[in-house]
């Protein structure tokens, strides 16, 4: 069991059979057709030689098959990781230079080591600090940046920049150098791929092709664009007309070697590696969990950290760039029937064969074709309507999303996501530092209690019941004091204040001190403090504190018990269940809650 926990391959491989093999092999063939042009395109996006995209699609896929828990996740180069790689490395060297390539290998290996360390320490929960609005805003902005950055290959001009302003400015300054032939190829491929995505499925199903097969054909459409434009470039000698081609791609498999071990380089790339690791993991796990749920399967997020870490480490030692799970390829893998992670290993085999046999032809592939492929692929990442939906639902989340999107577009990808995370955490602290609370009263004839401002409820001039709708911790401890004392000041006749704690999951040391202060100050004013509906884990921590020993009031099992005992003491004298009576008489009760 211990081996299977760390190497899931040993678990599912025992039941592997020919039926599963055929499903995995078919899925691998289809994903390979999709991955070849994407691997080349994303290497181009990252500023790396095209073969590095192919190298990143070999050993990493095999390692994920060994350590991964998702049957459908297709690991390899992805657009967002490529963009973040280019952004991180542009400050170290010129794209494509030996120093740049060496830094890319370090970035992949470092990302892998970070993910492995997080997996060993079971730190998968840390990615919860990347809220969905922040990730959504970052990915939308990244999609826009990626699309704009690829326009230079469509236009056949030289232009670069780290944000939208720089990119658009560079493109506008080069408009007179636009290569018409390159533009026609780029627009042609772009139109073809859009047509395939929007119309081909309908056309195929209309002539009797099954919906599943039609969908897979649509997903594999980029390979036909690659084939056609490659032969056009070769047959018409388009390079002589100024059309940029991929150029010579080394044939053969990558050699295994350690990346540059320069300590200063590793330290310099650490922040970027951490961001790439976290973003890649969040997206990979989201995709994996979504697809697993459709088959009533489950994945282990902490094991996914290990698997993605090993995949990135494999990329770093085999000449590849950072990798993660790709959404579109994973969906294709799922729809093609991939039954186990071994489908990824078969895909790696297909990429190996492509690298050995097709590199001579790939040399004639126009970069405009790859650019159009990228632009169409990242179209699925851009979700601008989500900004409006998020803003309408939650202004704080909407603010974090907009800030992430704008800063990523207008400054850099690093500042965008860091600012989004910091803003999300800051707004969370602000919200929870002023938790919602409500004075509640009894709904007539029931044991239910509701906000006095929203419902017609019974109240008592001597008793105030205050519902706290948040856990109590250092950020809101003083706010709790102010709220309770303001309530006491408004009603001089109050003799009892009951804090109902249904929503309180934690009371930290700062909040405990505030409760002690509230208890003492109320006692000085002639009122008592009571608690109701305290959760078991919270009560376990309170039981042996000074607060429990000095509490002037009682801890009630339910809010209704408190109401009976304090507002209607005659009713409270009626027999109670033994556990109820014990709960209302002792703060140090050992009765489970």
Protein backbone atom coordinates (compact mmCIF):
# COMPACT_ATOMS: atom_id res chain seq x y z
CA UNK A 1 0.00 0.00 0.00
CA UNK A 2 2.88 2.35 0.77
CA UNK A 3 4.43 1.80 -2.68
CA UNK A 4 1.08 2.31 -4.41
CA UNK A 5 0.57 5.54 -2.50
CA UNK A 6 3.74 7.05 -3.93
CA UNK A 7 3.72 5.17 -7.27
CA UNK A 8 0.07 4.67 -8.34
CA UNK A 9 1.27 2.77 -11.42
CA UNK A 10 1.69 -0.37 -9.28
CA UNK A 11 -1.97 -0.17 -8.28
CA UNK A 12 -3.77 0.01 -11.60
CA UNK A 13 -1.20 -1.90 -13.67
CA UNK A 14 -2.22 -5.22 -12.06
CA UNK A 15 -5.65 -5.04 -13.69
CA UNK A 16 -4.40 -3.74 -17.05
CA UNK A 17 -5.69 -5.71 -20.06
CA UNK A 18 -6.01 -5.60 -23.83
CA UNK A 19 -9.23 -3.60 -23.77
CA UNK A 20 -7.63 -0.86 -21.70
CA UNK A 21 -4.54 -1.03 -23.92
CA UNK A 22 -6.60 -0.43 -27.07
CA UNK A 23 -8.40 2.53 -25.48
CA UNK A 24 -5.15 4.11 -24.31
CA UNK A 25 -3.45 3.54 -27.67
CA UNK A 26 -6.32 5.13 -29.63
CA UNK A 27 -6.38 8.15 -27.32
CA UNK A 28 -2.60 8.47 -27.63
CA UNK A 29 -2.72 8.55 -31.43
CA UNK A 30 -5.28 11.35 -31.43
CA UNK A 31 -3.52 13.38 -28.74
CA UNK A 32 -0.19 12.96 -30.53
CA UNK A 33 -1.67 14.49 -33.70
CA UNK A 34 -2.82 17.41 -31.59
CA UNK A 35 0.33 17.72 -29.49
CA UNK A 36 2.93 17.87 -32.28
CA UNK A 37 1.89 21.30 -33.62
CA UNK A 38 1.11 22.55 -30.10
CA UNK A 39 4.51 21.49 -28.77
CA UNK A 40 6.26 23.35 -31.57
CA UNK A 41 4.00 26.38 -31.14
CA UNK A 42 4.43 26.66 -27.38
CA UNK A 43 8.20 26.37 -27.69
CA UNK A 44 7.99 29.27 -30.15
CA UNK A 45 5.87 31.20 -27.64
CA UNK A 46 8.39 30.55 -24.86
CA UNK A 47 11.24 31.86 -27.05
CA UNK A 48 12.82 28.41 -27.28
CA UNK A 49 13.92 26.23 -30.20
CA UNK A 50 10.99 24.16 -31.53
CA UNK A 51 12.59 20.84 -30.60
CA UNK A 52 12.37 21.78 -26.91
CA UNK A 53 8.60 21.62 -27.17
CA UNK A 54 8.93 18.07 -28.49
CA UNK A 55 11.44 17.15 -25.77
CA UNK A 56 9.03 18.46 -23.14
CA UNK A 57 6.47 16.00 -24.52
CA UNK A 58 8.50 12.84 -23.99
CA UNK A 59 10.05 12.02 -20.60
CA UNK A 60 7.61 14.27 -18.65
CA UNK A 61 4.65 12.30 -20.02
CA UNK A 62 6.24 8.99 -19.07
CA UNK A 63 6.98 10.19 -15.54
CA UNK A 64 3.43 11.46 -15.10
CA UNK A 65 2.11 8.07 -16.22
CA UNK A 66 4.12 6.47 -13.42
CA UNK A 67 3.28 8.90 -10.62
CA UNK A 68 -0.02 10.49 -11.69
CA UNK A 69 -3.53 9.62 -10.52
CA UNK A 70 -5.60 11.04 -13.40
CA UNK A 71 -6.45 8.78 -16.30
CA UNK A 72 -7.29 11.72 -18.57
CA UNK A 73 -4.89 14.56 -17.77
CA UNK A 74 -2.64 15.23 -20.77
CA UNK A 75 0.61 16.71 -19.50
CA UNK A 76 2.99 18.69 -21.68
CA UNK A 77 3.75 22.24 -22.87
CA UNK A 78 0.84 24.65 -22.37
CA UNK A 79 0.25 28.25 -23.40
CA UNK A 80 0.21 29.90 -19.97
CA UNK A 81 3.38 28.12 -18.80
CA UNK A 82 5.09 29.09 -22.07
CA UNK A 83 4.12 32.74 -21.60
CA UNK A 84 5.33 32.74 -17.98
CA UNK A 85 8.56 31.07 -19.07
CA UNK A 86 9.21 33.74 -21.70
CA UNK A 87 8.40 36.50 -19.22
CA UNK A 88 10.69 35.04 -16.56
CA UNK A 89 13.67 34.39 -18.84
CA UNK A 90 13.62 37.56 -20.91
CA UNK A 91 15.53 39.38 -18.16
CA UNK A 92 18.36 36.83 -18.20
CA UNK A 93 19.26 36.40 -21.86
CA UNK A 94 18.10 36.80 -25.44
CA UNK A 95 15.41 34.31 -26.55
CA UNK A 96 16.93 31.28 -28.21
CA UNK A 97 20.47 31.91 -26.95
CA UNK A 98 22.38 29.15 -25.11
CA UNK A 99 22.06 31.12 -21.85
CA UNK A 100 18.30 31.43 -22.37
CA UNK A 101 17.94 27.71 -23.08
CA UNK A 102 20.02 26.83 -20.04
CA UNK A 103 17.85 29.06 -17.85
CA UNK A 104 14.72 27.37 -19.23
CA UNK A 105 16.06 23.98 -18.15
CA UNK A 106 16.78 25.34 -14.67
CA UNK A 107 13.27 26.82 -14.51
CA UNK A 108 11.70 23.47 -15.39
CA UNK A 109 13.83 21.53 -12.90
CA UNK A 110 13.27 24.10 -10.15
CA UNK A 111 9.51 24.03 -10.73
CA UNK A 112 9.65 20.26 -10.46
CA UNK A 113 11.58 20.32 -7.20
CA UNK A 114 9.13 22.84 -5.71
CA UNK A 115 6.15 20.66 -6.62
CA UNK A 116 7.83 17.51 -5.30
CA UNK A 117 8.67 19.22 -2.01
CA UNK A 118 5.06 20.39 -1.69
CA UNK A 119 3.86 16.86 -2.41
CA UNK A 120 6.13 15.27 0.19
CA UNK A 121 4.99 17.81 2.79
CA UNK A 122 1.33 17.41 1.73
CA UNK A 123 1.04 21.12 1.01
CA UNK A 124 -1.59 20.94 -1.68
CA UNK A 125 -3.81 23.22 0.39
CA UNK A 126 -1.49 26.16 -0.29
CA UNK A 127 -2.92 26.56 -3.76
CA UNK A 128 -6.18 27.65 -2.13
CA UNK A 129 -4.52 31.04 -1.74
CA UNK A 130 -4.89 31.37 -5.51
CA UNK A 131 -8.59 32.20 -5.62
CA UNK A 132 -10.62 31.31 -8.68
CA UNK A 133 -11.26 34.97 -9.68
CA UNK A 134 -7.52 35.67 -9.54
CA UNK A 135 -6.69 32.59 -11.63
CA UNK A 136 -9.52 33.37 -14.05
CA UNK A 137 -8.39 36.98 -14.47
CA UNK A 138 -4.78 35.91 -14.91
CA UNK A 139 -5.59 33.27 -17.51
CA UNK A 140 -7.87 35.62 -19.46
CA UNK A 141 -5.15 38.28 -19.50
CA UNK A 142 -2.56 35.66 -20.45
CA UNK A 143 -4.74 34.52 -23.35
CA UNK A 144 -5.01 38.08 -24.63
CA UNK A 145 -1.26 38.65 -24.24
CA UNK A 146 -0.45 35.41 -26.00
CA UNK A 147 -2.76 36.19 -28.92
CA UNK A 148 -1.32 39.69 -29.37
CA UNK A 149 2.26 38.42 -29.06
CA UNK A 150 1.66 35.99 -31.92
CA UNK A 151 0.44 38.67 -34.31
CA UNK A 152 4.07 39.42 -35.19
CA UNK A 153 4.39 35.94 -36.70
CA UNK A 154 1.11 36.38 -38.57
CA UNK A 155 2.31 39.72 -39.96
CA UNK A 156 5.89 38.59 -40.53
CA UNK A 157 7.47 41.44 -38.53
CA UNK A 158 9.81 41.74 -35.55
CA UNK A 159 8.08 42.98 -32.41
CA UNK A 160 8.43 42.18 -28.75
CA UNK A 161 7.29 43.35 -25.33
CA UNK A 162 6.18 42.21 -21.88
CA UNK A 163 2.75 43.82 -21.89
CA UNK A 164 -0.03 44.91 -24.21
CA UNK A 165 1.20 48.48 -24.50
CA UNK A 166 4.71 47.44 -25.55
CA UNK A 167 3.45 44.77 -27.93
CA UNK A 168 0.89 46.95 -29.70
CA UNK A 169 3.36 49.81 -29.94
CA UNK A 170 5.98 47.54 -31.48
CA UNK A 171 3.47 46.08 -33.94
CA UNK A 172 2.24 49.50 -35.05
CA UNK A 173 5.79 50.70 -35.62
CA UNK A 174 6.40 47.78 -38.00
CA UNK A 175 3.24 47.96 -40.09
CA UNK A 176 5.12 48.96 -43.23
CA UNK A 177 7.23 45.77 -43.05
CA UNK A 178 4.25 43.38 -43.12
CA UNK A 179 4.92 40.35 -45.35
CA UNK A 180 1.80 39.77 -47.44
CA UNK A 181 2.51 36.10 -48.10
CA UNK A 182 3.03 35.42 -44.40
CA UNK A 183 -0.16 37.36 -43.61
CA UNK A 184 -2.16 35.28 -46.10
CA UNK A 185 -0.85 32.03 -44.63
CA UNK A 186 -1.57 33.16 -41.06
CA UNK A 187 -5.06 34.43 -41.82
CA UNK A 188 -5.82 31.37 -43.92
CA UNK A 189 -4.84 28.94 -41.17
CA UNK A 190 -6.61 31.04 -38.55
CA UNK A 191 -9.83 31.11 -40.62
CA UNK A 192 -9.59 27.39 -41.33
CA UNK A 193 -9.15 26.49 -37.68
CA UNK A 194 -12.01 28.77 -36.60
CA UNK A 195 -14.23 27.25 -39.25
CA UNK A 196 -13.33 23.75 -38.07
CA UNK A 197 -14.04 24.67 -34.47
CA UNK A 198 -17.40 26.34 -35.16
CA UNK A 199 -18.83 24.52 -38.19
CA UNK A 200 -17.01 21.28 -38.95
CA UNK A 201 -18.68 19.35 -36.14
CA UNK A 202 -22.12 20.27 -37.46
CA UNK A 203 -21.17 19.38 -41.03
CA UNK A 204 -19.74 16.01 -40.04
CA UNK A 205 -22.71 14.99 -37.90
CA UNK A 206 -25.03 16.05 -40.73
CA UNK A 207 -23.44 13.46 -43.04
CA UNK A 208 -23.73 10.71 -40.44
CA UNK A 209 -20.46 10.88 -38.52
CA UNK A 210 -20.98 10.15 -34.82
CA UNK A 211 -20.76 13.14 -32.50
CA UNK A 212 -17.78 11.72 -30.61
CA UNK A 213 -15.76 11.01 -33.76
CA UNK A 214 -16.68 14.40 -35.22
CA UNK A 215 -15.47 16.12 -32.08
CA UNK A 216 -12.14 14.32 -32.21
CA UNK A 217 -11.66 15.20 -35.88
CA UNK A 218 -12.26 18.85 -35.06
CA UNK A 219 -9.70 18.72 -32.26
CA UNK A 220 -7.13 17.18 -34.62
CA UNK A 221 -7.70 19.81 -37.35
CA UNK A 222 -4.45 21.72 -36.64
CA UNK A 223 -2.36 18.80 -37.90
CA UNK A 224 -3.96 19.11 -41.35
CA UNK A 225 -3.09 22.83 -41.39
CA UNK A 226 0.49 21.92 -40.50
CA UNK A 227 0.69 19.34 -43.30
CA UNK A 228 -0.81 21.59 -46.00
CA UNK A 229 1.22 24.72 -45.19
CA UNK A 230 4.41 22.70 -44.81
CA UNK A 231 4.06 21.25 -48.31
CA UNK A 232 3.09 24.66 -49.69
CA UNK A 233 6.19 26.23 -48.18
CA UNK A 234 8.34 23.40 -49.54
CA UNK A 235 6.77 23.24 -53.00
CA UNK A 236 6.55 27.00 -53.61
CA UNK A 237 9.85 27.81 -51.91
CA UNK A 238 8.09 30.40 -49.72
CA UNK A 239 11.23 31.08 -47.72
CA UNK A 240 12.51 33.02 -50.71
CA UNK A 241 9.45 35.28 -50.39
CA UNK A 242 10.31 36.19 -46.83
CA UNK A 243 8.08 33.65 -45.11
CA UNK A 244 9.66 32.63 -41.79
CA UNK A 245 9.94 28.87 -41.35
CA UNK A 246 10.66 26.73 -38.31
CA UNK A 247 13.99 25.75 -39.79
CA UNK A 248 16.17 22.77 -39.06
CA UNK A 249 14.93 20.65 -36.18
CA UNK A 250 17.51 18.22 -34.77
CA UNK A 251 16.57 14.62 -35.35
CA UNK A 252 16.89 12.12 -32.54
CA UNK A 253 16.07 11.87 -28.88
CA UNK A 254 17.24 14.36 -26.25
CA UNK A 255 20.25 13.57 -24.14
CA UNK A 256 19.80 13.41 -20.39
CA UNK A 257 21.90 15.97 -18.52
CA UNK A 258 21.76 18.05 -15.38
CA UNK A 259 20.81 21.69 -15.92
CA UNK A 260 23.14 24.54 -15.03
CA UNK A 261 23.91 24.30 -11.30
CA UNK A 262 24.86 27.95 -10.84
CA UNK A 263 23.40 28.82 -7.43
CA UNK A 264 22.79 32.48 -8.25
CA UNK A 265 20.75 31.51 -11.33
CA UNK A 266 18.60 29.11 -9.32
CA UNK A 267 17.93 31.73 -6.66
CA UNK A 268 17.08 34.34 -9.29
CA UNK A 269 14.57 32.02 -10.96
CA UNK A 270 12.99 30.80 -7.71
CA UNK A 271 10.09 33.33 -7.62
CA UNK A 272 9.15 32.64 -11.24
CA UNK A 273 9.41 28.89 -10.71
CA UNK A 274 7.13 29.12 -7.69
CA UNK A 275 4.47 31.02 -9.66
CA UNK A 276 4.69 28.64 -12.63
CA UNK A 277 4.40 25.67 -10.26
CA UNK A 278 1.36 26.98 -8.42
CA UNK A 279 -0.53 28.19 -11.49
CA UNK A 280 0.22 25.00 -13.40
CA UNK A 281 -0.85 22.83 -10.47
CA UNK A 282 -4.12 24.70 -9.92
CA UNK A 283 -5.09 24.42 -13.57
CA UNK A 284 -4.00 20.79 -13.83
CA UNK A 285 -5.90 19.67 -10.75
CA UNK A 286 -9.01 21.61 -11.81
CA UNK A 287 -9.04 19.86 -15.18
CA UNK A 288 -8.21 16.46 -13.69
CA UNK A 289 -10.94 16.68 -11.05
CA UNK A 290 -13.55 17.81 -13.57
CA UNK A 291 -12.83 14.90 -15.91
CA UNK A 292 -12.50 12.36 -13.09
CA UNK A 293 -15.91 13.34 -11.72
CA UNK A 294 -17.54 12.44 -15.04
CA UNK A 295 -16.39 8.83 -14.56
CA UNK A 296 -16.90 8.82 -10.79
CA UNK A 297 -13.19 8.55 -10.27
CA UNK A 298 -11.03 10.53 -7.88
CA UNK A 299 -7.58 11.99 -7.92
CA UNK A 300 -5.19 12.72 -5.07
CA UNK A 301 -4.10 16.40 -5.21
CA UNK A 302 -1.00 15.78 -3.11
CA UNK A 303 0.04 12.90 -5.35
CA UNK A 304 -0.60 15.14 -8.35
CA UNK A 305 1.97 17.51 -6.87
CA UNK A 306 4.47 14.66 -6.91
CA UNK A 307 3.52 13.61 -10.45
CA UNK A 308 3.68 17.10 -11.93
CA UNK A 309 6.90 17.70 -10.03
CA UNK A 310 8.50 14.60 -11.51
CA UNK A 311 7.26 15.62 -14.96
CA UNK A 312 8.86 19.05 -14.68
CA UNK A 313 12.04 17.61 -13.25
CA UNK A 314 12.10 15.23 -16.20
CA UNK A 315 11.73 18.17 -18.56
CA UNK A 316 14.64 19.92 -16.88
CA UNK A 317 17.02 17.00 -17.37
CA UNK A 318 15.85 16.06 -20.88
CA UNK A 319 16.02 19.40 -22.67
CA UNK A 320 12.40 20.49 -22.18
CA UNK A 321 10.54 23.49 -20.80
CA UNK A 322 8.07 23.66 -17.86
CA UNK A 323 4.97 21.52 -18.32
CA UNK A 324 1.52 21.10 -16.80
CA UNK A 325 -1.85 19.63 -17.71
CA UNK A 326 -3.40 21.09 -20.86
CA UNK A 327 -7.17 21.67 -20.87
CA UNK A 328 -7.94 21.04 -24.54
CA UNK A 329 -5.64 18.03 -24.85
CA UNK A 330 -7.02 16.53 -21.64
CA UNK A 331 -10.58 16.85 -22.94
CA UNK A 332 -9.56 15.17 -26.19
CA UNK A 333 -7.77 12.45 -24.22
CA UNK A 334 -10.91 11.90 -22.15
CA UNK A 335 -13.27 11.86 -25.15
CA UNK A 336 -10.96 9.50 -27.02
CA UNK A 337 -11.41 6.99 -24.18
CA UNK A 338 -8.11 7.13 -22.31
CA UNK A 339 -8.50 4.60 -19.51
CA UNK A 340 -5.25 4.99 -17.56
CA UNK A 341 -2.28 7.37 -17.31
CA UNK A 342 -0.48 5.00 -19.66
CA UNK A 343 -2.16 6.86 -22.52
CA UNK A 344 0.29 9.68 -21.80
CA UNK A 345 3.24 7.29 -22.08
CA UNK A 346 1.95 6.10 -25.47
CA UNK A 347 1.64 9.75 -26.51
CA UNK A 348 5.29 10.24 -25.55
CA UNK A 349 6.14 7.29 -27.80
CA UNK A 350 4.28 8.98 -30.67
CA UNK A 351 6.23 12.21 -30.10
CA UNK A 352 9.48 10.22 -30.07
CA UNK A 353 8.64 8.69 -33.44
CA UNK A 354 7.71 12.12 -34.81
CA UNK A 355 11.03 13.52 -33.63
CA UNK A 356 12.91 10.68 -35.28
CA UNK A 357 11.00 10.62 -38.57
CA UNK A 358 9.40 14.00 -39.29
CA UNK A 359 12.00 16.61 -38.42
CA UNK A 360 13.11 17.09 -42.03
CA UNK A 361 9.55 18.04 -43.02
CA UNK A 362 9.02 20.23 -39.95
CA UNK A 363 11.86 22.44 -41.13
CA UNK A 364 9.48 23.81 -43.84
CA UNK A 365 6.64 24.58 -41.44
CA UNK A 366 5.76 28.33 -41.49
CA UNK A 367 5.86 29.98 -38.08
CA UNK A 368 2.66 31.79 -39.10
CA UNK A 369 0.89 28.41 -39.00
CA UNK A 370 2.05 27.82 -35.45
CA UNK A 371 1.07 31.35 -34.46
CA UNK A 372 -2.44 30.89 -35.85
CA UNK A 373 -2.67 27.58 -34.00
CA UNK A 374 -1.73 29.31 -30.74
CA UNK A 375 -4.21 32.17 -31.25
CA UNK A 376 -7.10 29.79 -31.86
CA UNK A 377 -6.07 27.53 -28.97
CA UNK A 378 -5.87 30.36 -26.43
CA UNK A 379 -9.27 31.64 -27.48
CA UNK A 380 -10.75 29.17 -25.01
CA UNK A 381 -8.74 30.77 -22.20
CA UNK A 382 -10.28 34.22 -22.65
CA UNK A 383 -13.45 34.67 -20.61
CA UNK A 384 -14.20 38.39 -20.38
CA UNK A 385 -17.89 37.86 -19.43
CA UNK A 386 -16.61 36.22 -16.22
CA UNK A 387 -15.40 39.66 -15.10
CA UNK A 388 -18.95 41.02 -15.20
CA UNK A 389 -20.42 37.96 -13.49
CA UNK A 390 -17.85 38.06 -10.71
CA UNK A 391 -18.20 41.80 -10.21
CA UNK A 392 -22.00 41.55 -9.94
CA UNK A 393 -21.78 38.74 -7.41
CA UNK A 394 -18.91 40.00 -5.25
CA UNK A 395 -17.28 43.40 -5.60
CA UNK A 396 -14.22 42.30 -3.63
CA UNK A 397 -13.63 39.22 -5.80
CA UNK A 398 -14.39 41.30 -8.88
CA UNK A 399 -11.83 43.89 -7.80
CA UNK A 400 -9.16 41.20 -7.35
CA UNK A 401 -10.02 39.75 -10.76
CA UNK A 402 -9.93 43.12 -12.55
CA UNK A 403 -6.67 44.11 -10.84
CA UNK A 404 -5.05 40.81 -11.85
CA UNK A 405 -6.27 41.14 -15.43
CA UNK A 406 -5.22 44.77 -15.89
CA UNK A 407 -1.83 44.48 -14.21
CA UNK A 408 -1.03 41.35 -16.22
CA UNK A 409 -1.98 43.12 -19.44
CA UNK A 410 -0.43 46.49 -18.69
CA UNK A 411 2.66 45.55 -16.69
CA UNK A 412 3.76 41.90 -16.44
CA UNK A 413 2.47 38.42 -15.69
CA UNK A 414 4.43 38.23 -12.43
CA UNK A 415 3.06 41.48 -11.01
CA UNK A 416 -0.44 40.58 -12.19
CA UNK A 417 -0.76 37.31 -10.34
CA UNK A 418 1.18 38.43 -7.23
CA UNK A 419 -1.00 41.52 -6.92
CA UNK A 420 -4.13 39.44 -7.39
CA UNK A 421 -3.14 37.03 -4.63
CA UNK A 422 -2.14 39.84 -2.24
CA UNK A 423 -5.34 41.75 -2.98
CA UNK A 424 -7.49 38.65 -2.48
CA UNK A 425 -5.91 37.90 0.87
CA UNK A 426 -6.11 41.54 1.91
CA UNK A 427 -9.79 41.79 1.00
CA UNK A 428 -10.48 38.51 2.80
CA UNK A 429 -8.84 39.83 5.93
CA UNK A 430 -10.83 43.05 5.61
CA UNK A 431 -14.14 41.20 5.20
CA UNK A 432 -13.51 38.85 8.08
CA UNK A 433 -12.20 41.65 10.29
CA UNK A 434 -15.72 43.07 10.26
CA UNK A 435 -17.86 39.93 10.35
CA UNK A 436 -21.57 40.08 9.83
CA UNK A 437 -23.49 39.77 13.06
CA UNK A 438 -27.18 39.98 13.87
CA UNK A 439 -29.36 40.32 16.93
CA UNK A 440 -31.78 37.44 16.66
CA UNK A 441 -35.16 36.63 18.13
CA UNK A 442 -37.43 33.64 18.30
CA UNK A 443 -39.79 32.87 15.43
CA UNK A 444 -43.15 32.58 17.27
CA UNK A 445 -44.19 29.03 18.08
CA UNK A 446 -40.90 27.47 16.93
CA UNK A 447 -37.39 26.76 18.13
CA UNK A 448 -35.91 28.82 15.28
CA UNK A 449 -34.23 32.21 15.61
CA UNK A 450 -33.80 34.87 12.94
CA UNK A 451 -32.49 38.41 12.44
CA UNK A 452 -34.77 40.92 14.15
CA UNK A 453 -34.29 43.34 11.23
CA UNK A 454 -35.56 40.85 8.68
CA UNK A 455 -38.30 38.89 10.42
CA UNK A 456 -41.16 39.31 12.86
CA UNK A 457 -39.70 37.59 15.92
CA UNK A 458 -40.08 37.52 19.69
CA UNK A 459 -37.50 39.37 21.79
CA UNK A 460 -36.99 40.07 25.49
CA UNK A 461 -35.81 43.36 26.94
CA UNK A 462 -33.52 41.56 29.40
CA UNK A 463 -31.92 39.19 26.88
CA UNK A 464 -29.99 39.92 23.67
CA UNK A 465 -28.92 37.09 21.40
CA UNK A 466 -26.11 38.01 19.04
CA UNK A 467 -25.30 35.66 16.17
CA UNK A 468 -21.69 35.90 14.97
CA UNK A 469 -21.35 34.75 11.34
CA UNK A 470 -17.59 34.24 11.21
CA UNK A 471 -14.81 32.45 13.00
CA UNK A 472 -13.15 34.59 15.67
CA UNK A 473 -9.47 35.40 15.22
CA UNK A 474 -6.96 38.19 15.63
CA UNK A 475 -8.31 40.32 12.77
CA UNK A 476 -11.84 40.60 14.16
CA UNK A 477 -11.26 40.20 17.91
CA UNK A 478 -11.44 43.94 18.64
CA UNK A 479 -14.45 44.32 16.32
CA UNK A 480 -16.26 41.67 18.37
CA UNK A 481 -15.56 43.64 21.57
CA UNK A 482 -16.88 46.84 20.03
CA UNK A 483 -20.02 45.13 18.69
CA UNK A 484 -20.96 43.47 21.98
CA UNK A 485 -20.28 46.53 24.11
CA UNK A 486 -22.20 48.78 21.69
CA UNK A 487 -25.14 46.39 22.01
CA UNK A 488 -24.94 46.56 25.80
CA UNK A 489 -24.71 50.36 25.73
CA UNK A 490 -27.83 50.69 23.58
CA UNK A 491 -29.94 48.61 25.98
CA UNK A 492 -29.28 49.48 29.65
CA UNK A 493 -31.92 46.97 30.78
CA UNK A 494 -30.00 44.00 29.41
CA UNK A 495 -29.07 41.37 31.94
CA UNK A 496 -27.92 38.63 29.56
CA UNK A 497 -26.06 38.64 26.24
CA UNK A 498 -25.87 35.31 24.41
CA UNK A 499 -23.32 34.80 21.64
CA UNK A 500 -24.69 32.12 19.33
CA UNK A 501 -21.76 30.41 17.69
CA UNK A 502 -23.17 28.22 14.91
CA UNK A 503 -20.77 29.76 12.36
CA UNK A 504 -17.73 29.90 14.64
CA UNK A 505 -15.25 27.22 13.63
CA UNK A 506 -12.18 28.69 15.33
CA UNK A 507 -11.47 30.92 18.31
CA UNK A 508 -7.80 31.88 18.38
CA UNK A 509 -5.80 33.29 21.30
CA UNK A 510 -6.55 36.92 20.38
CA UNK A 511 -10.28 36.24 20.21
CA UNK A 512 -10.11 34.35 23.50
CA UNK A 513 -8.62 37.41 25.19
CA UNK A 514 -11.41 39.51 23.72
CA UNK A 515 -14.02 37.12 25.09
CA UNK A 516 -12.39 37.37 28.52
CA UNK A 517 -12.46 41.17 28.29
CA UNK A 518 -16.12 41.15 27.21
CA UNK A 519 -17.02 38.81 30.05
CA UNK A 520 -15.31 41.07 32.63
CA UNK A 521 -16.74 44.33 31.27
CA UNK A 522 -20.27 42.94 31.11
CA UNK A 523 -19.90 41.64 34.65
CA UNK A 524 -18.85 45.10 35.80
CA UNK A 525 -22.01 46.53 34.24
CA UNK A 526 -24.26 43.96 35.87
CA UNK A 527 -24.82 41.70 32.84
CA UNK A 528 -23.82 38.15 32.11
CA UNK A 529 -22.21 36.65 29.02
CA UNK A 530 -23.48 33.32 27.70
CA UNK A 531 -22.55 31.12 24.73
CA UNK A 532 -24.78 28.84 22.70
CA UNK A 533 -24.27 26.18 20.02
CA UNK A 534 -20.50 26.05 20.46
CA UNK A 535 -19.01 23.41 18.16
CA UNK A 536 -17.21 20.45 19.69
CA UNK A 537 -13.68 21.23 18.45
CA UNK A 538 -14.04 24.83 19.62
CA UNK A 539 -15.39 23.74 23.01
CA UNK A 540 -12.54 21.27 23.40
CA UNK A 541 -10.09 24.16 23.31
CA UNK A 542 -12.16 26.40 25.58
CA UNK A 543 -12.88 23.88 28.31
CA UNK A 544 -9.70 24.26 30.34
CA UNK A 545 -9.10 27.99 29.88
CA UNK A 546 -9.49 30.79 32.39
CA UNK A 547 -12.37 32.09 30.28
CA UNK A 548 -14.42 28.97 30.97
CA UNK A 549 -13.71 29.13 34.70
CA UNK A 550 -14.57 32.84 34.91
CA UNK A 551 -17.55 32.89 32.54
CA UNK A 552 -20.38 34.65 34.35
CA UNK A 553 -23.06 32.89 32.35
CA UNK A 554 -23.52 29.44 30.86
CA UNK A 555 -22.77 27.49 27.70
CA UNK A 556 -26.08 26.33 26.22
CA UNK A 557 -26.54 23.35 23.96
CA UNK A 558 -28.95 25.23 21.67
CA UNK A 559 -30.13 28.78 21.22
CA UNK A 560 -33.62 27.65 22.22
CA UNK A 561 -32.26 26.32 25.52
CA UNK A 562 -30.75 29.73 26.19
CA UNK A 563 -34.04 31.41 25.32
CA UNK A 564 -36.00 29.16 27.68
CA UNK A 565 -33.53 29.55 30.54
CA UNK A 566 -33.08 33.32 30.28
CA UNK A 567 -36.21 34.78 28.70
CA UNK A 568 -38.73 32.23 30.03
CA UNK A 569 -37.19 30.65 33.12
CA UNK A 570 -40.50 29.03 34.06
CA UNK A 571 -40.43 26.99 30.85
CA UNK A 572 -36.79 26.14 31.50
CA UNK A 573 -37.76 24.33 34.71
CA UNK A 574 -39.48 21.64 32.66
CA UNK A 575 -37.49 18.39 32.32
CA UNK A 576 -34.68 18.46 29.79
CA UNK A 577 -32.76 15.66 28.20
CA UNK A 578 -29.75 14.68 30.36
CA UNK A 579 -27.26 15.88 27.76
CA UNK A 580 -29.08 19.21 27.44
CA UNK A 581 -29.13 19.75 31.19
CA UNK A 582 -25.42 18.94 31.44
CA UNK A 583 -24.58 21.31 28.58
CA UNK A 584 -26.36 24.20 30.29
CA UNK A 585 -24.70 23.78 33.66
CA UNK A 586 -20.98 23.37 33.03
CA UNK A 587 -18.50 25.09 30.72
CA UNK A 588 -16.14 22.16 31.33
CA UNK A 589 -18.62 19.50 30.30
CA UNK A 590 -17.06 16.49 28.61
CA UNK A 591 -20.26 15.68 26.74
CA UNK A 592 -19.54 15.36 23.00
CA UNK A 593 -20.98 18.15 20.85
